[in-house]
C-alpha atoms as a PDB file:
ATOM      1  CA  MET A   1     190.809 120.980  41.275  1.00  0.00           C
ATOM      2  CA  THR A   2     188.234 120.652  44.031  1.00  0.00           C
ATOM      3  CA  ARG A   3     184.764 119.192  43.765  1.00  0.00           C
ATOM      4  CA  ARG A   4     183.205 122.621  44.248  1.00  0.00           C
ATOM      5  CA  LEU A   5     185.278 124.129  41.451  1.00  0.00           C
ATOM      6  CA  ALA A   6     184.338 121.286  39.097  1.00  0.00           C
ATOM      7  CA  LEU A   7     180.678 121.875  39.914  1.00  0.00           C
ATOM      8  CA  VAL A   8     180.896 125.643  39.378  1.00  0.00           C
ATOM      9  CA  LEU A   9     182.818 125.368  36.114  1.00  0.00           C
ATOM     10  CA  GLY A  10     180.444 122.702  34.849  1.00  0.00           C
ATOM     11  CA  LEU A  11     177.378 124.785  35.650  1.00  0.00           C
ATOM     12  CA  VAL A  12     178.903 127.872  34.028  1.00  0.00           C
ATOM     13  CA  GLY A  13     179.807 125.976  30.848  1.00  0.00           C
ATOM     14  CA  VAL A  14     176.350 124.489  30.382  1.00  0.00           C
ATOM     15  CA  ALA A  15     174.571 127.690  31.452  1.00  0.00           C
ATOM     16  CA  VAL A  16     176.519 129.886  29.014  1.00  0.00           C
ATOM     17  CA  THR A  17     175.714 127.512  26.166  1.00  0.00           C
ATOM     18  CA  LEU A  18     172.015 127.454  27.039  1.00  0.00           C
ATOM     19  CA  ALA A  19     172.000 131.258  27.317  1.00  0.00           C
ATOM     20  CA  THR A  20     173.632 131.501  23.896  1.00  0.00           C
ATOM     21  CA  ALA A  21     170.932 129.247  22.480  1.00  0.00           C
ATOM     22  CA  VAL A  22     168.282 131.572  23.923  1.00  0.00           C
ATOM     23  CA  VAL A  23     170.007 134.594  22.383  1.00  0.00           C
ATOM     24  CA  LEU A  24     170.197 132.847  19.011  1.00  0.00           C
ATOM     25  CA  ALA A  25     166.486 132.113  19.206  1.00  0.00           C
ATOM     26  CA  THR A  26     165.424 135.622  20.255  1.00  0.00           C
ATOM     27  CA  ALA A  27     168.013 138.269  19.313  1.00  0.00           C
ATOM     28  CA  PRO A  28     170.794 136.679  17.266  1.00  0.00           C
ATOM     29  CA  GLY A  29     172.116 139.831  15.571  1.00  0.00           C
ATOM     30  CA  LEU A  30     175.614 140.192  17.026  1.00  0.00           C
ATOM     31  CA  ILE A  31     176.337 136.460  17.149  1.00  0.00           C
ATOM     32  CA  VAL A  32     175.157 135.953  13.567  1.00  0.00           C
ATOM     33  CA  SER A  33     177.335 138.831  12.356  1.00  0.00           C
ATOM     34  CA  LEU A  34     180.420 137.327  13.959  1.00  0.00           C
ATOM     35  CA  ASP A  35     179.546 133.871  12.635  1.00  0.00           C
ATOM     36  CA  ASP A  36     179.085 135.176   9.099  1.00  0.00           C
ATOM     37  CA  ALA A  37     182.447 136.961   9.209  1.00  0.00           C
ATOM     38  CA  TRP A  38     184.240 133.858  10.505  1.00  0.00           C
ATOM     39  CA  ASN A  39     182.594 131.616   7.917  1.00  0.00           C
ATOM     40  CA  LEU A  40     183.618 133.917   5.059  1.00  0.00           C
ATOM     41  CA  GLU A  41     187.180 133.903   6.393  1.00  0.00           C
ATOM     42  CA  MET A  42     187.246 130.094   6.507  1.00  0.00           C
ATOM     43  CA  VAL A  43     186.029 129.907   2.918  1.00  0.00           C
ATOM     44  CA  GLU A  44     188.968 132.113   1.938  1.00  0.00           C
ATOM     45  CA  TRP A  45     191.420 129.913   3.840  1.00  0.00           C
ATOM     46  CA  ARG A  46     190.339 126.664   2.203  1.00  0.00           C
ATOM     47  CA  ASN A  47     192.916 124.701   0.264  1.00  0.00           C
ATOM     48  CA  PRO A  48     193.293 120.972  -0.500  1.00  0.00           C
ATOM     49  CA  ALA A  49     195.621 120.307   2.442  1.00  0.00           C
ATOM     50  CA  LEU A  50     193.523 122.130   5.033  1.00  0.00           C
ATOM     51  CA  THR A  51     190.277 120.648   3.730  1.00  0.00           C
ATOM     52  CA  GLY A  52     191.780 117.158   3.691  1.00  0.00           C
ATOM     53  CA  TRP A  53     192.886 117.548   7.308  1.00  0.00           C
ATOM     54  CA  ALA A  54     189.405 118.760   8.284  1.00  0.00           C
ATOM     55  CA  LEU A  55     187.823 115.738   6.584  1.00  0.00           C
ATOM     56  CA  VAL A  56     190.064 113.426   8.614  1.00  0.00           C
ATOM     57  CA  MET A  57     189.006 115.253  11.771  1.00  0.00           C
ATOM     58  CA  ASN A  58     185.399 114.815  10.694  1.00  0.00           C
ATOM     59  CA  VAL A  59     185.835 111.033  10.706  1.00  0.00           C
ATOM     60  CA  LEU A  60     187.781 110.945  13.973  1.00  0.00           C
ATOM     61  CA  GLY A  61     185.363 113.238  15.783  1.00  0.00           C
ATOM     62  CA  GLY A  62     182.003 111.842  14.697  1.00  0.00           C
ATOM     63  CA  GLY A  63     180.025 108.801  13.636  1.00  0.00           C
ATOM     64  CA  TRP A  64     180.753 105.394  15.133  1.00  0.00           C
ATOM     65  CA  VAL A  65     184.370 106.341  15.849  1.00  0.00           C
ATOM     66  CA  ALA A  66     183.457 109.095  18.316  1.00  0.00           C
ATOM     67  CA  THR A  67     180.163 107.722  19.631  1.00  0.00           C
ATOM     68  CA  ILE A  68     181.128 104.056  20.076  1.00  0.00           C
ATOM     69  CA  LEU A  69     184.803 103.267  19.548  1.00  0.00           C
ATOM     70  CA  THR A  70     186.377 106.195  21.420  1.00  0.00           C
ATOM     71  CA  PRO A  71     184.142 105.971  24.532  1.00  0.00           C
ATOM     72  CA  LEU A  72     184.718 102.208  24.740  1.00  0.00           C
ATOM     73  CA  LEU A  73     188.491 102.605  24.415  1.00  0.00           C
ATOM     74  CA  ILE A  74     188.546 105.346  27.043  1.00  0.00           C
ATOM     75  CA  ALA A  75     186.346 103.220  29.314  1.00  0.00           C
ATOM     76  CA  LEU A  76     188.742 100.298  28.913  1.00  0.00           C
ATOM     77  CA  VAL A  77     191.682 102.507  29.880  1.00  0.00           C
ATOM     78  CA  ALA A  78     189.679 103.877  32.812  1.00  0.00           C
ATOM     79  CA  TRP A  79     188.865 100.343  33.971  1.00  0.00           C
ATOM     80  CA  ILE A  80     192.547  99.433  33.929  1.00  0.00           C
ATOM     81  CA  VAL A  81     193.663 102.627  35.689  1.00  0.00           C
ATOM     82  CA  ARG A  82     190.754 103.225  38.109  1.00  0.00           C
ATOM     83  CA  GLY A  83     188.579 100.127  38.044  1.00  0.00           C
ATOM     84  CA  TRP A  84     184.940  99.854  37.025  1.00  0.00           C
ATOM     85  CA  ARG A  85     183.951 103.176  38.603  1.00  0.00           C
ATOM     86  CA  GLY A  86     186.316 105.052  36.300  1.00  0.00           C
ATOM     87  CA  ALA A  87     184.907 103.193  33.310  1.00  0.00           C
ATOM     88  CA  VAL A  88     181.330 104.054  34.289  1.00  0.00           C
ATOM     89  CA  PHE A  89     182.292 107.715  34.692  1.00  0.00           C
ATOM     90  CA  ALA A  90     183.861 107.798  31.218  1.00  0.00           C
ATOM     91  CA  ILE A  91     180.873 106.203  29.476  1.00  0.00           C
ATOM     92  CA  ALA A  92     178.388 108.321  31.430  1.00  0.00           C
ATOM     93  CA  ALA A  93     180.265 111.545  30.624  1.00  0.00           C
ATOM     94  CA  PHE A  94     180.133 110.906  26.875  1.00  0.00           C
ATOM     95  CA  ALA A  95     176.453 109.928  27.065  1.00  0.00           C
ATOM     96  CA  PHE A  96     175.525 112.931  29.239  1.00  0.00           C
ATOM     97  CA  SER A  97     177.311 115.361  26.940  1.00  0.00           C
ATOM     98  CA  ALA A  98     175.757 113.876  23.794  1.00  0.00           C
ATOM     99  CA  GLY A  99     172.303 113.929  25.378  1.00  0.00           C
ATOM    100  CA  ILE A 100     172.476 117.643  26.201  1.00  0.00           C
ATOM    101  CA  VAL A 101     173.794 118.426  22.713  1.00  0.00           C
ATOM    102  CA  GLN A 102     170.910 116.625  21.044  1.00  0.00           C
ATOM    103  CA  LEU A 103     168.324 118.283  23.286  1.00  0.00           C
ATOM    104  CA  VAL A 104     169.635 121.767  22.448  1.00  0.00           C
ATOM    105  CA  LYS A 105     169.906 120.925  18.738  1.00  0.00           C
ATOM    106  CA  ARG A 106     166.285 119.801  18.622  1.00  0.00           C
ATOM    107  CA  ALA A 107     165.031 122.722  20.674  1.00  0.00           C
ATOM    108  CA  LEU A 108     166.846 125.416  18.667  1.00  0.00           C
ATOM    109  CA  GLY A 109     166.945 123.871  15.179  1.00  0.00           C
ATOM    110  CA  ARG A 110     169.562 126.281  13.874  1.00  0.00           C
ATOM    111  CA  ASP A 111     170.383 126.113  10.163  1.00  0.00           C
ATOM    112  CA  ARG A 112     173.915 125.231   9.109  1.00  0.00           C
ATOM    113  CA  PRO A 113     176.003 127.400   6.765  1.00  0.00           C
ATOM    114  CA  GLN A 114     174.834 127.116   3.166  1.00  0.00           C
ATOM    115  CA  ASP A 115     178.320 126.442   1.792  1.00  0.00           C
ATOM    116  CA  LEU A 116     179.040 123.390   3.935  1.00  0.00           C
ATOM    117  CA  LEU A 117     181.259 120.776   2.281  1.00  0.00           C
ATOM    118  CA  ILE A 118     179.776 117.632   3.832  1.00  0.00           C
ATOM    119  CA  ALA A 119     176.312 116.419   4.684  1.00  0.00           C
ATOM    120  CA  SER A 120     175.356 116.512   8.349  1.00  0.00           C
ATOM    121  CA  ASP A 121     172.421 115.872  10.652  1.00  0.00           C
ATOM    122  CA  PHE A 122     169.731 118.258  11.910  1.00  0.00           C
ATOM    123  CA  GLY A 123     170.682 121.284  13.978  1.00  0.00           C
ATOM    124  CA  SER A 124     173.837 123.331  13.836  1.00  0.00           C
ATOM    125  CA  PHE A 125     174.077 124.580  17.440  1.00  0.00           C
ATOM    126  CA  PRO A 126     175.952 123.230  19.319  1.00  0.00           C
ATOM    127  CA  SER A 127     178.654 121.224  17.524  1.00  0.00           C
ATOM    128  CA  GLY A 128     178.525 117.561  18.507  1.00  0.00           C
ATOM    129  CA  HIS A 129     182.038 116.914  17.223  1.00  0.00           C
ATOM    130  CA  THR A 130     183.490 119.705  19.356  1.00  0.00           C
ATOM    131  CA  SER A 131     181.431 118.681  22.357  1.00  0.00           C
ATOM    132  CA  ASN A 132     182.733 115.120  22.091  1.00  0.00           C
ATOM    133  CA  ALA A 133     186.313 116.399  21.816  1.00  0.00           C
ATOM    134  CA  ALA A 134     185.927 118.579  24.923  1.00  0.00           C
ATOM    135  CA  THR A 135     184.378 115.713  26.883  1.00  0.00           C
ATOM    136  CA  LEU A 136     187.282 113.502  25.843  1.00  0.00           C
ATOM    137  CA  ALA A 137     189.739 116.139  27.049  1.00  0.00           C
ATOM    138  CA  VAL A 138     188.119 116.473  30.487  1.00  0.00           C
ATOM    139  CA  VAL A 139     187.676 112.728  31.002  1.00  0.00           C
ATOM    140  CA  LEU A 140     191.307 112.041  30.118  1.00  0.00           C
ATOM    141  CA  TRP A 141     192.437 114.796  32.463  1.00  0.00           C
ATOM    142  CA  PHE A 142     190.538 113.218  35.344  1.00  0.00           C
ATOM    143  CA  LEU A 143     192.107 109.850  34.525  1.00  0.00           C
ATOM    144  CA  PHE A 144     195.612 111.282  34.033  1.00  0.00           C
ATOM    145  CA  PRO A 145     195.713 114.676  35.806  1.00  0.00           C
ATOM    146  CA  SER A 146     198.802 116.348  34.379  1.00  0.00           C
ATOM    147  CA  LEU A 147     199.619 119.583  32.611  1.00  0.00           C
ATOM    148  CA  TRP A 148     200.503 117.810  29.364  1.00  0.00           C
ATOM    149  CA  VAL A 149     197.214 115.936  29.271  1.00  0.00           C
ATOM    150  CA  ALA A 150     195.364 119.214  29.880  1.00  0.00           C
ATOM    151  CA  ILE A 151     197.272 120.967  27.090  1.00  0.00           C
ATOM    152  CA  GLY A 152     196.831 118.074  24.675  1.00  0.00           C
ATOM    153  CA  GLY A 153     193.117 117.826  25.401  1.00  0.00           C
ATOM    154  CA  ALA A 154     192.605 121.566  24.958  1.00  0.00           C
ATOM    155  CA  LEU A 155     194.486 121.534  21.649  1.00  0.00           C
ATOM    156  CA  TRP A 156     192.396 118.590  20.440  1.00  0.00           C
ATOM    157  CA  ALA A 157     189.135 120.380  21.252  1.00  0.00           C
ATOM    158  CA  VAL A 158     190.287 123.609  19.594  1.00  0.00           C
ATOM    159  CA  ALA A 159     191.490 121.735  16.509  1.00  0.00           C
ATOM    160  CA  MET A 160     188.176 119.896  16.255  1.00  0.00           C
ATOM    161  CA  GLY A 161     186.189 123.118  16.496  1.00  0.00           C
ATOM    162  CA  PHE A 162     188.385 124.812  13.909  1.00  0.00           C
ATOM    163  CA  SER A 163     188.023 121.871  11.511  1.00  0.00           C
ATOM    164  CA  ARG A 164     184.224 122.122  11.704  1.00  0.00           C
ATOM    165  CA  THR A 165     184.344 125.748  10.569  1.00  0.00           C
ATOM    166  CA  VAL A 166     186.851 124.956   7.811  1.00  0.00           C
ATOM    167  CA  LEU A 167     184.246 122.609   6.350  1.00  0.00           C
ATOM    168  CA  SER A 168     181.509 125.228   6.979  1.00  0.00           C
ATOM    169  CA  VAL A 169     179.463 122.501   8.613  1.00  0.00           C
ATOM    170  CA  HIS A 170     179.195 124.659  11.738  1.00  0.00           C
ATOM    171  CA  TRP A 171     179.224 128.308  12.672  1.00  0.00           C
ATOM    172  CA  PHE A 172     181.954 129.546  15.017  1.00  0.00           C
ATOM    173  CA  SER A 173     179.485 129.964  17.894  1.00  0.00           C
ATOM    174  CA  ASP A 174     178.372 126.342  17.386  1.00  0.00           C
ATOM    175  CA  THR A 175     181.886 125.145  18.156  1.00  0.00           C
ATOM    176  CA  VAL A 176     182.225 127.364  21.228  1.00  0.00           C
ATOM    177  CA  GLY A 177     178.882 126.119  22.514  1.00  0.00           C
ATOM    178  CA  GLY A 178     179.882 122.527  21.820  1.00  0.00           C
ATOM    179  CA  ALA A 179     183.152 122.897  23.716  1.00  0.00           C
ATOM    180  CA  LEU A 180     181.407 124.477  26.706  1.00  0.00           C
ATOM    181  CA  ILE A 181     178.731 121.776  26.846  1.00  0.00           C
ATOM    182  CA  GLY A 182     181.223 118.940  26.397  1.00  0.00           C
ATOM    183  CA  ALA A 183     183.547 120.178  29.116  1.00  0.00           C
ATOM    184  CA  GLY A 184     180.715 121.367  31.348  1.00  0.00           C
ATOM    185  CA  ALA A 185     178.820 118.088  31.224  1.00  0.00           C
ATOM    186  CA  ALA A 186     181.945 116.089  32.068  1.00  0.00           C
ATOM    187  CA  LEU A 187     182.785 118.428  34.958  1.00  0.00           C
ATOM    188  CA  LEU A 188     179.256 118.209  36.353  1.00  0.00           C
ATOM    189  CA  LEU A 189     179.352 114.433  36.245  1.00  0.00           C
ATOM    190  CA  ALA A 190     182.795 114.415  37.843  1.00  0.00           C
ATOM    191  CA  ALA A 191     181.459 116.571  40.676  1.00  0.00           C
ATOM    192  CA  ALA A 192     178.547 114.178  41.142  1.00  0.00           C
ATOM    193  CA  LEU A 193     180.834 111.123  41.144  1.00  0.00           C
ATOM    194  CA  TRP A 194     183.817 112.812  42.786  1.00  0.00           C
ATOM    195  CA  ARG A 195     185.128 109.833  44.760  1.00  0.00           C
ATOM    196  CA  TRP A 196     184.904 107.663  41.659  1.00  0.00           C
ATOM    197  CA  VAL A 197     187.118 109.839  39.506  1.00  0.00           C
ATOM    198  CA  ARG A 198     189.773 111.299  41.825  1.00  0.00           C
ATOM    199  CA  LEU A 199     192.791 109.475  43.152  1.00  0.00           C
ATOM    200  CA  PRO A 200     192.811 109.071  46.979  1.00  0.00           C
ATOM    201  CA  SER A 201     195.856 111.345  47.339  1.00  0.00           C
ATOM    202  CA  MET A 202     194.115 114.044  45.294  1.00  0.00           C
ATOM    203  CA  LEU A 203     190.977 113.700  47.377  1.00  0.00           C
ATOM    204  CA  GLN A 204     193.000 114.315  50.485  1.00  0.00           C
ATOM    205  CA  ALA A 205     194.752 117.339  49.017  1.00  0.00           C
ATOM    206  CA  GLY A 206     191.740 118.827  47.229  1.00  0.00           C
ATOM    207  CA  ASP A 207     188.949 118.313  49.747  1.00  0.00           C
ATOM    208  CA  GLY A 208     190.847 118.430  53.022  1.00  0.00           C
ATOM    209  CA  ARG A 209     189.498 115.010  54.000  1.00  0.00           C
ATOM    210  CA  SER A 210     191.324 111.804  54.627  1.00  0.00           C
ATOM    211  CA  ALA A 211     191.888 109.413  51.750  1.00  0.00           C
ATOM    212  CA  ASP A 212     189.482 106.562  51.226  1.00  0.00           C
ATOM    213  CA  PRO A 213     190.433 103.435  53.155  1.00  0.00           C
ATOM    214  CA  PRO A 214     191.808 100.500  51.151  1.00  0.00           C
ATOM    215  CA  ARG A 215     189.153  98.225  49.720  1.00  0.00           C
END
């Protein structure tokens, strides 16, 4: 991936989510119809095993685990692998993503499904859990750029989004918006801090410039 591609993908992800929020606020018909259909399907799918799994995902993807423990652990790994710049990128990516999510939540104030199984905070769109999962996926990929890390991160984000709809704590579009914001915010920050997050060999291959000199 090049810096330009990271910037473009990041802008597209955030822009699509913001556009969806505008549509939900002004002409939500089609989106609401799809969300209602998906929510009814999830209610039909519920069983003790699936609900139990979703509750575990709820703990892993939110609260102090996702907002404090996970970013600190990822930052520690980044410090070991890339030094302090990698750690700053990881922490900043999680904070940037969470900040955008909260701004959109407050601005839109979308109601959650009525048949939700757990209590949650204000604002349904976008999903903070899914956003955090997508940010985690992108940050880990920049730290360990491999196909398996990309696949694992994508599966984690999809599983998190699905679990939120199983619990009816979010609409389907909330999870899509959360994933786009989480990934988009991390990509935008990576583009801004490109030489902090890419290995020298990758910089040389991706940007056509010489690698950074040894420090």
